[in-house]
Structure formats: C-alpha cells, structure tokens
C-alpha atoms as a PDB file:
ATOM      1  CA  MET A   1     -20.569   9.431 -11.205  1.00  0.00           C
ATOM      2  CA  ASN A   2     -20.566  12.917 -12.714  1.00  0.00           C
ATOM      3  CA  TRP A   3     -17.991  14.580 -10.467  1.00  0.00           C
ATOM      4  CA  GLY A   4     -18.754  18.083 -11.691  1.00  0.00           C
ATOM      5  CA  THR A   5     -22.370  17.932 -10.524  1.00  0.00           C
ATOM      6  CA  LEU A   6     -21.673  16.653  -7.006  1.00  0.00           C
ATOM      7  CA  SER A   7     -21.930  18.841  -3.922  1.00  0.00           C
ATOM      8  CA  HIS A   8     -18.918  19.220  -1.637  1.00  0.00           C
ATOM      9  CA  ALA A   9     -20.519  16.828   0.848  1.00  0.00           C
ATOM     10  CA  GLU A  10     -21.090  14.258  -1.878  1.00  0.00           C
ATOM     11  CA  ARG A  11     -17.477  14.553  -3.009  1.00  0.00           C
ATOM     12  CA  ASP A  12     -16.292  14.048   0.545  1.00  0.00           C
ATOM     13  CA  ALA A  13     -18.500  10.985   0.935  1.00  0.00           C
ATOM     14  CA  ALA A  14     -17.177   9.514  -2.319  1.00  0.00           C
ATOM     15  CA  TYR A  15     -13.773   8.992  -0.654  1.00  0.00           C
ATOM     16  CA  ASN A  16     -14.808   8.474   2.972  1.00  0.00           C
ATOM     17  CA  ASN A  17     -14.155   4.775   3.525  1.00  0.00           C
ATOM     18  CA  THR A  18     -14.635   5.007   7.281  1.00  0.00           C
ATOM     19  CA  MET A  19     -18.156   6.341   6.854  1.00  0.00           C
ATOM     20  CA  ALA A  20     -18.957   3.818   4.117  1.00  0.00           C
ATOM     21  CA  VAL A  21     -18.002   0.764   6.236  1.00  0.00           C
ATOM     22  CA  LYS A  22     -20.049   0.951   9.426  1.00  0.00           C
ATOM     23  CA  ASN A  23     -17.890  -1.464  11.432  1.00  0.00           C
ATOM     24  CA  SER A  24     -14.601   0.000  10.213  1.00  0.00           C
ATOM     25  CA  ALA A  25     -13.564   1.046  13.739  1.00  0.00           C
ATOM     26  CA  ASP A  26     -13.954  -2.524  15.015  1.00  0.00           C
ATOM     27  CA  LEU A  27     -12.073  -3.948  12.024  1.00  0.00           C
ATOM     28  CA  SER A  28      -9.217  -1.475  12.490  1.00  0.00           C
ATOM     29  CA  ALA A  29      -9.019  -2.152  16.229  1.00  0.00           C
ATOM     30  CA  ALA A  30      -8.810  -5.907  15.605  1.00  0.00           C
ATOM     31  CA  ARG A  31      -6.051  -5.406  13.025  1.00  0.00           C
ATOM     32  CA  GLU A  32      -4.071  -3.176  15.366  1.00  0.00           C
ATOM     33  CA  ALA A  33      -4.371  -5.638  18.251  1.00  0.00           C
ATOM     34  CA  ALA A  34      -3.247  -8.545  16.060  1.00  0.00           C
ATOM     35  CA  SER A  35      -0.358  -6.453  14.746  1.00  0.00           C
ATOM     36  CA  ALA A  36       0.809  -5.601  18.253  1.00  0.00           C
ATOM     37  CA  GLU A  37       0.792  -9.312  19.080  1.00  0.00           C
ATOM     38  CA  PHE A  38       2.742 -10.141  15.913  1.00  0.00           C
ATOM     39  CA  ARG A  39       5.367  -7.494  16.713  1.00  0.00           C
ATOM     40  CA  ARG A  40       5.724  -8.812  20.266  1.00  0.00           C
ATOM     41  CA  ALA A  41       6.293 -12.299  18.873  1.00  0.00           C
ATOM     42  CA  HIS A  42       8.974 -11.053  16.424  1.00  0.00           C
ATOM     43  CA  PRO A  43      10.876  -8.263  18.211  1.00  0.00           C
ATOM     44  CA  GLY A  44      14.334  -8.701  16.701  1.00  0.00           C
ATOM     45  CA  HIS A  45      14.354  -6.087  13.921  1.00  0.00           C
ATOM     46  CA  LEU A  46      11.874  -3.355  14.835  1.00  0.00           C
ATOM     47  CA  ASP A  47      12.088   0.421  14.357  1.00  0.00           C
ATOM     48  CA  LEU A  48      15.307   0.382  12.346  1.00  0.00           C
ATOM     49  CA  ARG A  49      16.092   3.894  11.196  1.00  0.00           C
ATOM     50  CA  TYR A  50      16.418   4.668   7.471  1.00  0.00           C
ATOM     51  CA  GLY A  51      16.129   8.454   7.590  1.00  0.00           C
ATOM     52  CA  PRO A  52      16.211  11.491   9.888  1.00  0.00           C
ATOM     53  CA  LYS A  53      12.496  11.992  10.612  1.00  0.00           C
ATOM     54  CA  ASP A  54      10.594  10.362  13.468  1.00  0.00           C
ATOM     55  CA  ARG A  55       8.644   7.943  11.270  1.00  0.00           C
ATOM     56  CA  ASN A  56      11.596   7.032   9.016  1.00  0.00           C
ATOM     57  CA  THR A  57      11.901   3.518  10.423  1.00  0.00           C
ATOM     58  CA  TRP A  58      11.483  -0.081   9.269  1.00  0.00           C
ATOM     59  CA  ASP A  59       9.995  -3.131  10.925  1.00  0.00           C
ATOM     60  CA  LEU A  60      11.655  -6.219   9.440  1.00  0.00           C
ATOM     61  CA  PHE A  61      10.570  -9.822   9.874  1.00  0.00           C
ATOM     62  CA  PRO A  62      13.188 -12.033   8.221  1.00  0.00           C
ATOM     63  CA  ALA A  63      12.439 -15.579   7.157  1.00  0.00           C
ATOM     64  CA  ALA A  64      14.429 -18.665   8.087  1.00  0.00           C
ATOM     65  CA  ASN A  65      15.894 -18.589   4.569  1.00  0.00           C
ATOM     66  CA  PRO A  66      17.618 -15.257   3.789  1.00  0.00           C
ATOM     67  CA  ASN A  67      16.915 -15.794   0.080  1.00  0.00           C
ATOM     68  CA  ALA A  68      13.176 -16.134   0.589  1.00  0.00           C
ATOM     69  CA  PRO A  69      11.007 -13.500  -1.084  1.00  0.00           C
ATOM     70  CA  CYS A  70      10.058 -10.468   0.994  1.00  0.00           C
ATOM     71  CA  ILE A  71       6.706  -8.685   1.085  1.00  0.00           C
ATOM     72  CA  VAL A  72       7.196  -4.967   1.726  1.00  0.00           C
ATOM     73  CA  PHE A  73       3.867  -3.563   2.901  1.00  0.00           C
ATOM     74  CA  ILE A  74       3.067   0.169   2.934  1.00  0.00           C
ATOM     75  CA  HIS A  75       0.254   1.157   5.267  1.00  0.00           C
ATOM     76  CA  GLY A  76      -2.737   3.259   4.284  1.00  0.00           C
ATOM     77  CA  GLY A  77      -4.697   6.106   5.836  1.00  0.00           C
ATOM     78  CA  TYR A  78      -4.920   8.621   2.973  1.00  0.00           C
ATOM     79  CA  TRP A  79      -1.273   9.657   3.600  1.00  0.00           C
ATOM     80  CA  GLN A  80      -2.333  11.377   6.850  1.00  0.00           C
ATOM     81  CA  ARG A  81      -3.295   8.663   9.362  1.00  0.00           C
ATOM     82  CA  ASN A  82      -2.087   5.378  10.888  1.00  0.00           C
ATOM     83  CA  SER A  83       1.392   3.895  11.269  1.00  0.00           C
ATOM     84  CA  LYS A  84       3.288   0.784  10.235  1.00  0.00           C
ATOM     85  CA  ASP A  85       2.888  -0.660  13.753  1.00  0.00           C
ATOM     86  CA  GLY A  86      -0.821  -1.275  13.206  1.00  0.00           C
ATOM     87  CA  PHE A  87      -0.395  -3.297  10.002  1.00  0.00           C
ATOM     88  CA  ALA A  88       2.235  -5.904  10.894  1.00  0.00           C
ATOM     89  CA  ASN A  89      -0.280  -8.742  10.981  1.00  0.00           C
ATOM     90  CA  LEU A  90      -0.988  -8.275   7.270  1.00  0.00           C
ATOM     91  CA  ILE A  91       2.340  -9.902   6.407  1.00  0.00           C
ATOM     92  CA  SER A  92       1.683 -12.830   8.741  1.00  0.00           C
ATOM     93  CA  GLY A  93       0.112 -15.000   6.032  1.00  0.00           C
ATOM     94  CA  LEU A  94       3.158 -14.841   3.794  1.00  0.00           C
ATOM     95  CA  HIS A  95       5.480 -15.068   6.797  1.00  0.00           C
ATOM     96  CA  ALA A  96       3.789 -18.338   7.699  1.00  0.00           C
ATOM     97  CA  ARG A  97       4.496 -19.457   4.122  1.00  0.00           C
ATOM     98  CA  GLY A  98       8.228 -18.887   4.590  1.00  0.00           C
ATOM     99  CA  TRP A  99       8.518 -15.310   3.317  1.00  0.00           C
ATOM    100  CA  ALA A 100      10.215 -12.370   4.950  1.00  0.00           C
ATOM    101  CA  GLY A 101       8.129  -9.280   5.626  1.00  0.00           C
ATOM    102  CA  ALA A 102       8.927  -5.603   6.054  1.00  0.00           C
ATOM    103  CA  LEU A 103       6.935  -2.463   6.811  1.00  0.00           C
ATOM    104  CA  PRO A 104       8.303   1.059   6.277  1.00  0.00           C
ATOM    105  CA  GLY A 105       7.040   4.049   8.209  1.00  0.00           C
ATOM    106  CA  TYR A 106       6.682   7.469   6.609  1.00  0.00           C
ATOM    107  CA  THR A 107       5.908  11.017   7.661  1.00  0.00           C
ATOM    108  CA  LEU A 108       2.227  11.925   7.467  1.00  0.00           C
ATOM    109  CA  ALA A 109       0.605  14.995   5.945  1.00  0.00           C
ATOM    110  CA  PRO A 110       0.596  17.877   6.770  1.00  0.00           C
ATOM    111  CA  ASP A 111       4.066  17.341   8.252  1.00  0.00           C
ATOM    112  CA  ALA A 112       5.178  16.105   4.812  1.00  0.00           C
ATOM    113  CA  THR A 113       3.930  16.818   1.314  1.00  0.00           C
ATOM    114  CA  LEU A 114       2.957  13.916  -0.891  1.00  0.00           C
ATOM    115  CA  THR A 115       6.128  14.583  -2.889  1.00  0.00           C
ATOM    116  CA  GLU A 116       8.134  14.104   0.298  1.00  0.00           C
ATOM    117  CA  ILE A 117       6.196  10.970   1.269  1.00  0.00           C
ATOM    118  CA  VAL A 118       6.966   9.311  -2.074  1.00  0.00           C
ATOM    119  CA  ALA A 119      10.624  10.280  -1.648  1.00  0.00           C
ATOM    120  CA  GLU A 120      10.662   8.717   1.809  1.00  0.00           C
ATOM    121  CA  ILE A 121       9.390   5.372   0.513  1.00  0.00           C
ATOM    122  CA  ASN A 122      12.065   5.388  -2.173  1.00  0.00           C
ATOM    123  CA  ALA A 123      14.675   6.248   0.481  1.00  0.00           C
ATOM    124  CA  ALA A 124      13.400   3.377   2.615  1.00  0.00           C
ATOM    125  CA  LEU A 125      13.830   1.003  -0.320  1.00  0.00           C
ATOM    126  CA  ASP A 126      17.348   2.373  -0.858  1.00  0.00           C
ATOM    127  CA  TRP A 127      18.106   1.499   2.761  1.00  0.00           C
ATOM    128  CA  LEU A 128      16.667  -1.988   2.367  1.00  0.00           C
ATOM    129  CA  ALA A 129      18.805  -2.573  -0.723  1.00  0.00           C
ATOM    130  CA  ALA A 130      21.918  -1.544   1.201  1.00  0.00           C
ATOM    131  CA  ASN A 131      21.139  -3.087   4.591  1.00  0.00           C
ATOM    132  CA  GLY A 132      18.619  -5.883   4.104  1.00  0.00           C
ATOM    133  CA  ARG A 133      21.284  -8.566   3.929  1.00  0.00           C
ATOM    134  CA  ALA A 134      22.553  -7.633   7.399  1.00  0.00           C
ATOM    135  CA  HIS A 135      19.063  -8.383   8.702  1.00  0.00           C
ATOM    136  CA  GLY A 136      18.542 -11.630   6.810  1.00  0.00           C
ATOM    137  CA  ILE A 137      16.589 -10.251   3.837  1.00  0.00           C
ATOM    138  CA  GLU A 138      18.193 -10.962   0.452  1.00  0.00           C
ATOM    139  CA  GLY A 139      15.394 -12.352  -1.731  1.00  0.00           C
ATOM    140  CA  LYS A 140      13.042 -10.765  -4.244  1.00  0.00           C
ATOM    141  CA  VAL A 141      10.916  -7.880  -3.004  1.00  0.00           C
ATOM    142  CA  VAL A 142       7.214  -7.747  -3.782  1.00  0.00           C
ATOM    143  CA  LEU A 143       6.070  -4.219  -2.971  1.00  0.00           C
ATOM    144  CA  SER A 144       2.529  -3.980  -1.659  1.00  0.00           C
ATOM    145  CA  GLY A 145       0.259  -1.498   0.045  1.00  0.00           C
ATOM    146  CA  TRP A 146      -3.340  -0.725   0.853  1.00  0.00           C
ATOM    147  CA  SER A 147      -5.299   2.459   0.111  1.00  0.00           C
ATOM    148  CA  ALA A 148      -2.695   5.257   0.210  1.00  0.00           C
ATOM    149  CA  GLY A 149      -0.173   2.425   0.335  1.00  0.00           C
ATOM    150  CA  GLY A 150      -1.590   1.137  -2.950  1.00  0.00           C
ATOM    151  CA  HIS A 151      -0.866   4.523  -4.482  1.00  0.00           C
ATOM    152  CA  LEU A 152       2.676   4.477  -3.052  1.00  0.00           C
ATOM    153  CA  THR A 153       3.153   0.954  -4.400  1.00  0.00           C
ATOM    154  CA  ALA A 154       2.329   2.148  -7.899  1.00  0.00           C
ATOM    155  CA  MET A 155       4.575   5.203  -7.489  1.00  0.00           C
ATOM    156  CA  CYS A 156       7.592   3.206  -6.264  1.00  0.00           C
ATOM    157  CA  LEU A 157       7.246   0.075  -8.412  1.00  0.00           C
ATOM    158  CA  GLY A 158      10.153   1.267 -10.524  1.00  0.00           C
ATOM    159  CA  HIS A 159      12.671   1.090  -7.653  1.00  0.00           C
ATOM    160  CA  SER A 160      15.535  -1.236  -8.508  1.00  0.00           C
ATOM    161  CA  ARG A 161      15.027  -3.356  -5.360  1.00  0.00           C
ATOM    162  CA  VAL A 162      11.430  -4.148  -6.326  1.00  0.00           C
ATOM    163  CA  SER A 163      10.607  -7.158  -8.510  1.00  0.00           C
ATOM    164  CA  ALA A 164       6.801  -6.903  -8.589  1.00  0.00           C
ATOM    165  CA  GLY A 165       3.872  -5.057  -7.064  1.00  0.00           C
ATOM    166  CA  LEU A 166       0.578  -5.862  -5.348  1.00  0.00           C
ATOM    167  CA  ALA A 167      -1.560  -2.724  -5.143  1.00  0.00           C
ATOM    168  CA  ILE A 168      -4.641  -3.023  -2.925  1.00  0.00           C
ATOM    169  CA  SER A 169      -7.554  -0.579  -3.084  1.00  0.00           C
ATOM    170  CA  GLY A 170      -5.384   2.320  -4.156  1.00  0.00           C
ATOM    171  CA  VAL A 171      -5.989   5.862  -5.396  1.00  0.00           C
ATOM    172  CA  TYR A 172      -4.285   6.303  -8.755  1.00  0.00           C
ATOM    173  CA  GLU A 173      -5.715   9.633  -9.952  1.00  0.00           C
ATOM    174  CA  LEU A 174      -5.270  12.528  -7.538  1.00  0.00           C
ATOM    175  CA  GLY A 175      -7.281  15.184  -9.346  1.00  0.00           C
ATOM    176  CA  PRO A 176     -10.575  14.538  -7.512  1.00  0.00           C
ATOM    177  CA  ILE A 177      -8.804  14.378  -4.136  1.00  0.00           C
ATOM    178  CA  ARG A 178      -8.183  18.130  -4.295  1.00  0.00           C
ATOM    179  CA  ASP A 179     -11.967  18.651  -4.241  1.00  0.00           C
ATOM    180  CA  THR A 180     -12.465  16.735  -0.956  1.00  0.00           C
ATOM    181  CA  TYR A 181     -11.778  17.003   2.765  1.00  0.00           C
ATOM    182  CA  LEU A 182      -8.603  14.980   2.215  1.00  0.00           C
ATOM    183  CA  ASN A 183      -6.865  17.972   0.701  1.00  0.00           C
ATOM    184  CA  GLU A 184      -7.082  20.007   3.908  1.00  0.00           C
ATOM    185  CA  LYS A 185      -3.864  18.307   5.029  1.00  0.00           C
ATOM    186  CA  LEU A 186      -2.429  17.199   1.674  1.00  0.00           C
ATOM    187  CA  LYS A 187      -2.648  20.625  -0.001  1.00  0.00           C
ATOM    188  CA  LEU A 188      -1.909  19.091  -3.392  1.00  0.00           C
ATOM    189  CA  SER A 189      -0.346  21.366  -5.971  1.00  0.00           C
ATOM    190  CA  ASP A 190      -1.079  21.222  -9.685  1.00  0.00           C
ATOM    191  CA  GLY A 191       2.390  19.780 -10.195  1.00  0.00           C
ATOM    192  CA  GLU A 192       1.854  17.042  -7.625  1.00  0.00           C
ATOM    193  CA  ILE A 193      -1.438  16.006  -9.177  1.00  0.00           C
ATOM    194  CA  GLU A 194       0.336  15.717 -12.519  1.00  0.00           C
ATOM    195  CA  MET A 195       3.524  14.031 -11.323  1.00  0.00           C
ATOM    196  CA  LEU A 196       2.138  11.834  -8.522  1.00  0.00           C
ATOM    197  CA  SER A 197      -0.961  10.398 -10.187  1.00  0.00           C
ATOM    198  CA  PRO A 198       0.069   6.930 -11.408  1.00  0.00           C
ATOM    199  CA  MET A 199      -2.599   7.144 -14.118  1.00  0.00           C
ATOM    200  CA  ARG A 200      -0.769  10.098 -15.691  1.00  0.00           C
ATOM    201  CA  LEU A 201       2.720   8.595 -15.623  1.00  0.00           C
ATOM    202  CA  PRO A 202       4.547   6.153 -17.896  1.00  0.00           C
ATOM    203  CA  MET A 203       3.750   2.600 -16.886  1.00  0.00           C
ATOM    204  CA  VAL A 204       6.475   0.560 -15.172  1.00  0.00           C
ATOM    205  CA  ALA A 205       7.319  -2.666 -17.001  1.00  0.00           C
ATOM    206  CA  LYS A 206       7.185  -4.956 -13.977  1.00  0.00           C
ATOM    207  CA  PRO A 207       4.400  -7.318 -12.909  1.00  0.00           C
ATOM    208  CA  MET A 208       1.775  -5.619 -10.756  1.00  0.00           C
ATOM    209  CA  LEU A 209      -1.445  -7.170  -9.541  1.00  0.00           C
ATOM    210  CA  ILE A 210      -4.160  -4.567  -8.956  1.00  0.00           C
ATOM    211  CA  THR A 211      -6.978  -5.564  -6.632  1.00  0.00           C
ATOM    212  CA  TYR A 212     -10.064  -4.035  -5.041  1.00  0.00           C
ATOM    213  CA  GLY A 213     -13.180  -5.161  -3.204  1.00  0.00           C
ATOM    214  CA  THR A 214     -16.455  -5.185  -5.071  1.00  0.00           C
ATOM    215  CA  ALA A 215     -18.127  -3.463  -2.078  1.00  0.00           C
ATOM    216  CA  GLU A 216     -15.715  -0.508  -2.175  1.00  0.00           C
ATOM    217  CA  LEU A 217     -16.559   3.083  -3.002  1.00  0.00           C
ATOM    218  CA  PRO A 218     -16.919   3.758  -6.740  1.00  0.00           C
ATOM    219  CA  PRO A 219     -13.854   6.021  -7.191  1.00  0.00           C
ATOM    220  CA  LEU A 220     -11.516   3.359  -5.800  1.00  0.00           C
ATOM    221  CA  VAL A 221     -13.062   0.679  -7.992  1.00  0.00           C
ATOM    222  CA  SER A 222     -12.801   2.977 -11.005  1.00  0.00           C
ATOM    223  CA  ASP A 223      -9.172   3.917 -10.299  1.00  0.00           C
ATOM    224  CA  SER A 224      -8.148   0.253 -10.084  1.00  0.00           C
ATOM    225  CA  ARG A 225      -9.934  -0.629 -13.299  1.00  0.00           C
ATOM    226  CA  HIS A 226      -8.525   2.349 -15.198  1.00  0.00           C
ATOM    227  CA  LEU A 227      -4.936   1.799 -14.062  1.00  0.00           C
ATOM    228  CA  HIS A 228      -5.112  -1.863 -15.047  1.00  0.00           C
ATOM    229  CA  ALA A 229      -6.609  -0.944 -18.431  1.00  0.00           C
ATOM    230  CA  LYS A 230      -3.754   1.459 -19.089  1.00  0.00           C
ATOM    231  CA  ARG A 231      -1.176  -1.163 -18.125  1.00  0.00           C
ATOM    232  CA  ALA A 232      -2.926  -3.807 -20.218  1.00  0.00           C
ATOM    233  CA  ALA A 233      -2.963  -1.470 -23.221  1.00  0.00           C
ATOM    234  CA  ALA A 234       0.822  -1.300 -22.875  1.00  0.00           C
ATOM    235  CA  HIS A 235       0.958  -5.140 -22.703  1.00  0.00           C
ATOM    236  CA  LEU A 236       2.398  -5.092 -19.192  1.00  0.00           C
ATOM    237  CA  PRO A 237       2.042  -8.082 -16.858  1.00  0.00           C
ATOM    238  CA  GLY A 238      -0.344  -8.198 -13.945  1.00  0.00           C
ATOM    239  CA  ALA A 239      -3.993  -9.090 -13.461  1.00  0.00           C
ATOM    240  CA  LEU A 240      -6.959  -7.083 -12.229  1.00  0.00           C
ATOM    241  CA  LEU A 241      -8.511  -8.983  -9.326  1.00  0.00           C
ATOM    242  CA  PRO A 242     -11.871  -7.954  -7.851  1.00  0.00           C
ATOM    243  CA  ILE A 243     -12.479  -9.571  -4.461  1.00  0.00           C
ATOM    244  CA  ALA A 244     -16.173 -10.437  -4.354  1.00  0.00           C
ATOM    245  CA  GLY A 245     -18.018  -8.893  -1.413  1.00  0.00           C
ATOM    246  CA  ALA A 246     -14.921  -7.322   0.163  1.00  0.00           C
ATOM    247  CA  ASP A 247     -15.042  -3.745   1.382  1.00  0.00           C
ATOM    248  CA  HIS A 248     -12.166  -1.350   1.954  1.00  0.00           C
ATOM    249  CA  PHE A 249     -11.347  -2.871   5.337  1.00  0.00           C
ATOM    250  CA  THR A 250     -12.035  -6.576   4.828  1.00  0.00           C
ATOM    251  CA  ILE A 251     -10.060  -6.925   1.590  1.00  0.00           C
ATOM    252  CA  VAL A 252      -6.781  -7.019   3.535  1.00  0.00           C
ATOM    253  CA  HIS A 253      -7.885 -10.241   5.237  1.00  0.00           C
ATOM    254  CA  GLU A 254      -7.009 -11.934   1.943  1.00  0.00           C
ATOM    255  CA  LEU A 255      -3.378 -10.937   2.498  1.00  0.00           C
ATOM    256  CA  ARG A 256      -3.396 -11.502   6.251  1.00  0.00           C
ATOM    257  CA  ASP A 257      -4.440 -15.153   6.008  1.00  0.00           C
ATOM    258  CA  ALA A 258      -1.997 -17.858   4.927  1.00  0.00           C
ATOM    259  CA  ASP A 259      -4.600 -19.254   2.509  1.00  0.00           C
ATOM    260  CA  GLY A 260      -5.986 -15.863   1.451  1.00  0.00           C
ATOM    261  CA  VAL A 261      -6.480 -15.036  -2.210  1.00  0.00           C
ATOM    262  CA  LEU A 262      -3.927 -12.222  -2.122  1.00  0.00           C
ATOM    263  CA  THR A 263      -1.416 -14.334  -0.223  1.00  0.00           C
ATOM    264  CA  ARG A 264      -1.638 -16.939  -2.970  1.00  0.00           C
ATOM    265  CA  GLN A 265      -1.344 -14.270  -5.669  1.00  0.00           C
ATOM    266  CA  ALA A 266       1.768 -12.853  -4.008  1.00  0.00           C
ATOM    267  CA  LEU A 267       3.361 -16.302  -4.138  1.00  0.00           C
ATOM    268  CA  LEU A 268       2.871 -16.267  -7.914  1.00  0.00           C
ATOM    269  CA  LEU A 269       4.349 -12.767  -8.237  1.00  0.00           C
ATOM    270  CA  ALA A 270       7.622 -13.968  -6.733  1.00  0.00           C
ATOM    271  CA  ASP A 271       8.032 -16.896  -9.153  1.00  0.00           C
END
C-alpha cells in the first residue's frame, strides 16, 4: 500500500485487527474463559510482584522438571488493552508437553509510555532471572508474544535470560502507527519511533522465529517479512513461518494446542 496516499480512516483500518476479523470478540471471549480455567487449575504462583506498579506481576506455571524449558508469553493489545490473565491458556500446549510457562503483566498506555513498557518487560525478566529458581523455573527461556507482545519479544530478545524468541504477528516498524488512532494513547515521540522500532535497531544474534497469518492485515504481514529479511541478511538464525489461512486472532491457536505448529516450533527453539 502507498501509505502517503491513504486517508486517515484508511490508515486506521490498516491496523484495526478487531474490525478486520468479524468474530474477534467471540474468539477473545473464548480465550479469556479458557485462560481463567487454566489459572484456576494452576493457582500456586499467580500475581507475583516484580515491580511497584499495579500490573508489574508474573503468573508462573512451573513444570514437573525445574530444568524444563520455559515459554514466557507477552500479551498483545497494541500496548493499551488486555492483561496477562486473559492469555494463560496460550502456554497450555507447551505446558502439556512438559514445559514451564510464564506471563508478565505490564502497565498499559497512556499510563506508561512505550519506553516504560519495554523497560518493564526487561525488569520482569530481571526478576525471573533472580527468582525463577525459587518457583521451580530454571531452564532455558523462549520469549514469545503476540501482536504488541511480538514487538516486545523483538525488543527484549537481547536479555541475558532469554535463549530464543518466537514473535507472533508483531509490529516491528512504529513510524506508521503515529498516523493512526493507536497513537492517541501511545503518543509516540520521534525518539521512540527510532529507538523502539525493531526494524531500525541492530539485530540480536539469537534464534527468533517470526510468524504471521496469511489472512492478517497487510502491514503486519509486511513487518514480519521485512524483519525476517533483515535478520536473514545478517545471517541470523530463525525462520519466517506464514500460517496458511490464519488471521490475527486464530494464529495463536497454533501455540495453544499441544500439537499446534507453533508449539512444535517452540520445541525446536529450545534444543
């Protein structure tokens, strides 16, 4: 698309996943209900505080083996919606495969800038490095996230506790975001666009699988392809994986399910 020729409404629509997927409300409600059930079934390590703000908490789901790999999943919602509580079921596939799982919360815009949100995820990973063992989590960490969480995965891949990344349907170039309704709460500065766009930063030399659904909105498809191309040009490990027919909300089923494509890819990332 030629971004410069689009109307404001067209630019808004280019990033409006909820409008693009007509049954998105039903899909989100089902995910939230399944996540509530998963949290009720595993209540031992919920809402553990890593920082001073209300949402600075972890949900941890240790495996039987403390040395098992751990999937750390960062929720999406364009940095301004949702919470970790509604995404717990997305680690259930790997948990059923013997992995630990963990979900960090973070402050949402406009109560935090994107700079502060990235700092919170890094602080959460600092806490996990220092305290994970006390909660039965000692193995490799595969950092993952969906949508805004995909962006945060790419931004925090370099953390020392992280071995590999799995970025799902992320936004990796922030420049266009400033021209949409999303910026009403984000209020991105020029410096943030430069310093928090993974496409503009040095690539991290760790494996990272980048994935998107073929039925997603064009900017998200393009961002995934471009970030992978930049990593590939630097000879860095990690595939680009289009999920045929998946949209922005159904792609996460491939991580939720024990035999899902993304669950199986995560197993390879931890080898």
